[in-house]
Amino acid sequence: MDVVPRARVDLRARLGGALFSRVAGPEGPANRARIHDTPGPRWFAPDAAIRTVHGDASMFIGGLSALLFQSLHPLAMAAVAAHSGYRDEPWQRLQRTSTFLAVTTFGTAQDAQRAVDRVRKVHRSVRGTTPAGETYSAADPDLLGWVHVAEVDSFLRAHRRYGAQPLDAAGRDAYIADTARVATALGVIDPPRTQEELAARIAAYRPHLRATREAHEAVRYVLLHPPLPWIARGPYAVLGANAVATLPVWARDALRLPRLAGVDSTCVRPAGRALTAAIRWAMARPPATA
């Protein structure tokens, strides 16, 4: 009688384990236990909006969309191309980013501050000159501000479209205010705290944004040549299509990404909702069985 339920539990465990291994790495289980089980005060309460967004499967789409969006700043993209190793170690970079988000969102205040301190130390060593002769530093508050607003906007867009419990207007403002806590700790000056402020800050960056050769190369790599086994290419293509679909129209145009409204609404979005629901199911803890 319990063969089918047990098979479902086993399938969920296999799929969830494979996904978790990709995004969290070999230290994932130990990090998860430390982040969630260590006692102590946190930066955010259990019902904080940032926990709702960052704990949802929509982050798979939001994170990919954020990478595309962030590439539009020439100095930020130059730093990524020269220092991030996104081609040589893409999964390690993803794992570091996901662990940082998890620690600052769910971990103790002490661990969150340590994570921020480590990132700031790395940023101080990332500096250089673009092919056009412009100098950059990853510790530059202006660059940090762009990375922050592009990330927050992308996460929020994805959650509004694919989240299990989309936030209302007040909740979206609360999410942006929560993320400002982390941004300030990282060195961002006066990060936005409302949707209106977020939109205004992105608009202020627009005159400085453009798709460089490095940006186009990164977009092609991320969307068309990910280091994945063939069996995972189909689901990843759905993630990629939805990551593109959540970008602002002007950003898609700048990156020369297709914009087909009919296809987006009839095919891409339904597929994205189905895939995020499947990810959510796979990564949820299964209910106890008798």
Protein backbone atom coordinates (compact mmCIF):
# COMPACT_ATOMS: atom_id res chain seq x y z
CA MET A 1 0.00 0.00 0.00
CA ASP A 2 2.85 2.41 0.73
CA VAL A 3 4.96 1.60 -2.36
CA VAL A 4 3.87 4.70 -4.30
CA PRO A 5 4.26 7.15 -1.39
CA ARG A 6 7.65 5.66 -0.56
CA ALA A 7 8.70 5.96 -4.22
CA ARG A 8 7.63 9.59 -4.19
CA VAL A 9 9.64 10.22 -1.05
CA ASP A 10 12.68 8.57 -2.63
CA LEU A 11 12.25 10.60 -5.85
CA ARG A 12 11.90 13.80 -3.85
CA ALA A 13 15.02 12.98 -1.86
CA ARG A 14 17.06 12.25 -5.01
CA LEU A 15 15.93 15.35 -6.88
CA GLY A 16 16.17 17.60 -3.84
CA GLY A 17 19.60 16.26 -3.00
CA ALA A 18 20.88 16.82 -6.53
CA LEU A 19 19.59 20.40 -6.61
CA PHE A 20 20.89 21.20 -3.15
CA SER A 21 24.29 19.77 -4.02
CA ARG A 22 24.52 22.03 -7.07
CA VAL A 23 23.60 25.25 -5.31
CA ALA A 24 25.17 24.58 -1.90
CA GLY A 25 28.20 22.43 -2.70
CA PRO A 26 29.85 19.65 -0.68
CA GLU A 27 29.72 21.72 2.51
CA GLY A 28 26.00 22.37 2.03
CA PRO A 29 24.61 20.01 4.69
CA ALA A 30 27.07 21.23 7.32
CA ASN A 31 26.45 24.87 6.39
CA ARG A 32 22.67 24.37 6.49
CA ALA A 33 22.85 22.85 9.97
CA ARG A 34 25.07 25.66 11.22
CA ILE A 35 22.94 28.40 9.63
CA HIS A 36 19.57 27.16 10.86
CA ASP A 37 20.41 25.34 14.07
CA THR A 38 22.96 27.57 15.78
CA PRO A 39 21.23 29.50 18.58
CA GLY A 40 21.55 33.25 18.83
CA PRO A 41 20.04 36.51 17.60
CA ARG A 42 19.46 36.97 13.88
CA TRP A 43 19.40 40.04 11.65
CA PHE A 44 15.87 39.11 10.56
CA ALA A 45 12.83 37.74 12.38
CA PRO A 46 11.25 34.43 11.29
CA ASP A 47 8.40 36.28 9.55
CA ALA A 48 10.63 38.84 7.79
CA ALA A 49 9.89 39.48 4.12
CA ILE A 50 13.49 38.72 3.15
CA ARG A 51 13.06 35.19 4.48
CA THR A 52 9.91 34.71 2.40
CA VAL A 53 11.70 35.72 -0.80
CA HIS A 54 15.11 34.14 -0.26
CA GLY A 55 13.60 30.87 0.94
CA ASP A 56 11.45 30.39 -2.17
CA ALA A 57 12.16 28.37 -5.31
CA SER A 58 11.66 31.50 -7.41
CA MET A 59 15.24 32.37 -6.44
CA PHE A 60 16.45 29.92 -9.09
CA ILE A 61 14.98 32.22 -11.73
CA GLY A 62 15.71 35.44 -9.85
CA GLY A 63 19.37 34.59 -9.36
CA LEU A 64 19.91 33.86 -13.05
CA SER A 65 18.05 37.02 -14.02
CA ALA A 66 20.22 39.04 -11.61
CA LEU A 67 23.40 37.83 -13.33
CA LEU A 68 22.06 39.00 -16.69
CA PHE A 69 20.90 42.34 -15.31
CA GLN A 70 24.14 43.06 -13.44
CA SER A 71 26.18 42.49 -16.61
CA LEU A 72 24.89 45.79 -18.03
CA HIS A 73 27.26 47.87 -15.89
CA PRO A 74 30.57 47.94 -17.81
CA LEU A 75 32.75 48.29 -14.71
CA ALA A 76 30.90 45.60 -12.76
CA MET A 77 31.09 43.29 -15.78
CA ALA A 78 34.81 43.96 -16.22
CA ALA A 79 35.41 42.99 -12.60
CA VAL A 80 33.38 39.80 -13.02
CA ALA A 81 35.14 38.86 -16.27
CA ALA A 82 38.60 39.42 -14.84
CA HIS A 83 38.22 38.13 -11.29
CA SER A 84 35.17 35.94 -10.70
CA GLY A 85 36.17 32.78 -12.57
CA TYR A 86 32.58 32.31 -13.72
CA ARG A 87 33.76 30.16 -16.65
CA ASP A 88 36.32 28.06 -14.77
CA GLU A 89 34.35 27.51 -11.58
CA PRO A 90 30.72 28.54 -12.15
CA TRP A 91 29.30 26.14 -9.58
CA GLN A 92 31.73 27.22 -6.88
CA ARG A 93 30.77 30.85 -7.51
CA LEU A 94 27.08 29.95 -7.29
CA GLN A 95 27.69 28.04 -4.08
CA ARG A 96 29.53 30.93 -2.47
CA THR A 97 26.74 33.33 -3.42
CA SER A 98 23.95 31.05 -2.21
CA THR A 99 25.76 30.40 1.07
CA PHE A 100 26.22 34.15 1.63
CA LEU A 101 22.52 34.78 1.01
CA ALA A 102 21.56 31.95 3.35
CA VAL A 103 23.88 33.07 6.15
CA THR A 104 22.85 36.73 6.04
CA THR A 105 19.15 35.88 5.74
CA PHE A 106 18.79 32.97 8.16
CA GLY A 107 22.03 32.72 10.15
CA THR A 108 23.02 34.24 13.44
CA ALA A 109 23.96 37.92 13.52
CA GLN A 110 27.52 36.94 14.35
CA ASP A 111 27.82 34.59 11.38
CA ALA A 112 26.13 37.13 9.10
CA GLN A 113 28.65 39.81 10.04
CA ARG A 114 31.54 37.39 9.52
CA ALA A 115 30.23 36.57 6.05
CA VAL A 116 29.98 40.27 5.21
CA ASP A 117 33.51 40.89 6.52
CA ARG A 118 34.88 38.12 4.29
CA VAL A 119 33.17 39.56 1.21
CA ARG A 120 34.41 43.07 1.95
CA LYS A 121 37.96 41.74 2.29
CA VAL A 122 37.69 40.07 -1.13
CA HIS A 123 36.24 43.23 -2.66
CA ARG A 124 39.22 45.29 -1.52
CA SER A 125 41.52 43.11 -3.60
CA VAL A 126 39.41 43.21 -6.78
CA ARG A 127 40.53 46.15 -8.87
CA GLY A 128 41.72 46.73 -12.40
CA THR A 129 41.25 48.54 -15.70
CA THR A 130 38.71 47.86 -18.44
CA PRO A 131 39.73 47.45 -22.12
CA ALA A 132 38.48 51.04 -22.56
CA GLY A 133 40.93 52.31 -19.93
CA GLU A 134 38.44 52.85 -17.09
CA THR A 135 39.56 51.83 -13.61
CA TYR A 136 37.32 49.87 -11.28
CA SER A 137 37.27 48.57 -7.74
CA ALA A 138 34.79 46.06 -6.37
CA ALA A 139 34.78 48.06 -3.13
CA ASP A 140 33.49 51.18 -4.94
CA PRO A 141 30.18 52.08 -3.24
CA ASP A 142 28.67 53.03 -6.61
CA LEU A 143 29.42 49.60 -8.10
CA LEU A 144 28.25 47.88 -4.93
CA GLY A 145 25.05 49.89 -5.19
CA TRP A 146 24.40 48.72 -8.75
CA VAL A 147 25.01 45.08 -7.92
CA HIS A 148 22.65 45.43 -4.97
CA VAL A 149 19.74 47.10 -6.76
CA ALA A 150 20.01 44.81 -9.79
CA GLU A 151 19.94 41.79 -7.50
CA VAL A 152 17.05 43.01 -5.34
CA ASP A 153 14.98 44.02 -8.37
CA SER A 154 15.57 40.63 -10.02
CA PHE A 155 14.75 38.61 -6.91
CA LEU A 156 11.59 40.62 -6.33
CA ARG A 157 10.43 40.39 -9.95
CA ALA A 158 10.89 36.62 -9.93
CA HIS A 159 9.12 36.23 -6.61
CA ARG A 160 6.15 38.34 -7.70
CA ARG A 161 5.71 36.09 -10.74
CA TYR A 162 6.71 32.65 -9.43
CA GLY A 163 6.73 32.81 -5.64
CA ALA A 164 4.52 30.49 -3.60
CA GLN A 165 3.27 33.44 -1.53
CA PRO A 166 3.82 36.68 -3.49
CA LEU A 167 4.15 39.73 -1.28
CA ASP A 168 1.69 42.62 -1.34
CA ALA A 169 2.91 46.21 -1.80
CA ALA A 170 3.74 46.63 1.87
CA GLY A 171 5.56 43.31 1.89
CA ARG A 172 7.61 44.30 -1.15
CA ASP A 173 8.67 47.51 0.57
CA ALA A 174 9.53 45.47 3.67
CA TYR A 175 11.68 43.14 1.56
CA ILE A 176 13.61 46.04 0.04
CA ALA A 177 14.10 47.54 3.51
CA ASP A 178 15.37 44.18 4.80
CA THR A 179 17.92 43.89 1.99
CA ALA A 180 19.13 47.41 2.77
CA ARG A 181 20.39 46.04 6.10
CA VAL A 182 22.75 43.68 4.29
CA ALA A 183 23.68 46.23 1.63
CA THR A 184 24.69 48.80 4.23
CA ALA A 185 26.89 46.24 5.96
CA LEU A 186 28.58 45.52 2.60
CA GLY A 187 29.35 49.20 2.03
CA VAL A 188 26.45 50.44 -0.09
CA ILE A 189 25.66 54.06 0.70
CA ASP A 190 22.00 54.82 1.44
CA PRO A 191 20.47 51.76 -0.30
CA PRO A 192 16.80 52.02 -1.35
CA ARG A 193 14.17 50.97 1.15
CA THR A 194 10.95 51.12 -0.89
CA GLN A 195 9.81 50.13 -4.37
CA GLU A 196 9.72 53.79 -5.36
CA GLU A 197 13.28 54.34 -4.19
CA LEU A 198 14.44 51.13 -5.92
CA ALA A 199 12.93 52.20 -9.25
CA ALA A 200 14.45 55.67 -8.92
CA ARG A 201 17.90 54.26 -8.13
CA ILE A 202 17.83 51.93 -11.16
CA ALA A 203 16.71 54.83 -13.35
CA ALA A 204 19.68 56.86 -12.08
CA TYR A 205 22.06 54.09 -13.19
CA ARG A 206 20.57 53.74 -16.68
CA PRO A 207 22.73 56.41 -18.40
CA HIS A 208 25.81 54.44 -17.28
CA LEU A 209 24.60 51.02 -18.44
CA ARG A 210 25.44 49.34 -21.71
CA ALA A 211 26.12 45.86 -22.99
CA THR A 212 29.85 45.44 -23.59
CA ARG A 213 31.50 42.60 -25.45
CA GLU A 214 32.22 40.96 -22.09
CA ALA A 215 28.55 41.24 -21.16
CA HIS A 216 27.39 39.58 -24.39
CA GLU A 217 29.95 36.80 -23.91
CA ALA A 218 28.79 36.22 -20.34
CA VAL A 219 25.13 36.14 -21.38
CA ARG A 220 25.84 33.61 -24.14
CA TYR A 221 27.78 31.44 -21.73
CA VAL A 222 25.17 31.58 -18.97
CA LEU A 223 22.18 30.96 -21.25
CA LEU A 224 23.56 28.75 -24.03
CA HIS A 225 26.65 26.96 -22.73
CA PRO A 226 26.16 26.12 -19.05
CA PRO A 227 28.34 23.28 -17.70
CA LEU A 228 25.47 20.85 -17.26
CA PRO A 229 24.75 17.24 -18.25
CA TRP A 230 22.37 16.90 -21.18
CA ILE A 231 19.57 15.59 -18.97
CA ALA A 232 19.52 18.92 -17.12
CA ARG A 233 19.62 21.15 -20.21
CA GLY A 234 15.84 21.14 -20.72
CA PRO A 235 14.91 22.36 -17.22
CA TYR A 236 17.78 24.84 -17.33
CA ALA A 237 16.50 26.22 -20.64
CA VAL A 238 13.15 26.86 -18.92
CA LEU A 239 14.96 28.68 -16.10
CA GLY A 240 16.89 30.73 -18.63
CA ALA A 241 13.84 31.68 -20.67
CA ASN A 242 12.03 32.83 -17.54
CA ALA A 243 15.08 34.70 -16.26
CA VAL A 244 15.12 36.62 -19.54
CA ALA A 245 11.35 37.18 -19.41
CA THR A 246 11.56 38.82 -15.97
CA LEU A 247 14.11 41.43 -17.05
CA PRO A 248 12.97 44.98 -17.74
CA VAL A 249 12.20 45.39 -21.44
CA TRP A 250 14.98 47.94 -21.92
CA ALA A 251 17.51 45.55 -20.35
CA ARG A 252 16.47 42.72 -22.66
CA ASP A 253 16.84 45.01 -25.64
CA ALA A 254 20.29 46.17 -24.52
CA LEU A 255 21.46 42.57 -24.19
CA ARG A 256 19.88 41.64 -27.57
CA LEU A 257 17.67 39.06 -25.95
CA PRO A 258 14.42 38.02 -27.69
CA ARG A 259 11.18 39.71 -26.70
CA LEU A 260 8.12 37.75 -27.85
CA ALA A 261 5.17 38.77 -25.69
CA GLY A 262 2.82 36.05 -26.94
CA VAL A 263 5.35 33.29 -26.38
CA ASP A 264 6.24 34.64 -22.94
CA SER A 265 2.65 34.63 -21.72
CA THR A 266 1.49 31.38 -23.31
CA CYS A 267 4.58 29.18 -23.01
CA VAL A 268 7.43 30.64 -20.97
CA ARG A 269 5.53 31.73 -17.86
CA PRO A 270 3.45 28.54 -17.47
CA ALA A 271 6.60 26.45 -17.89
CA GLY A 272 8.37 28.62 -15.31
CA ARG A 273 5.55 28.21 -12.81
CA ALA A 274 5.55 24.45 -13.33
CA LEU A 275 9.31 24.20 -12.92
CA THR A 276 9.47 26.33 -9.78
CA ALA A 277 6.62 24.28 -8.31
CA ALA A 278 8.61 21.11 -9.06
CA ILE A 279 11.76 22.59 -7.46
CA ARG A 280 9.74 23.67 -4.45
CA TRP A 281 8.33 20.14 -4.09
CA ALA A 282 11.72 18.48 -4.51
CA MET A 283 13.52 20.66 -1.98
CA ALA A 284 10.80 20.66 0.67
CA ARG A 285 11.22 18.37 3.62
CA PRO A 286 8.87 15.43 3.08
CA PRO A 287 6.16 14.88 5.68
CA ALA A 288 6.76 12.19 8.23
CA THR A 289 5.27 8.81 7.38
CA ALA A 290 4.02 6.14 9.71
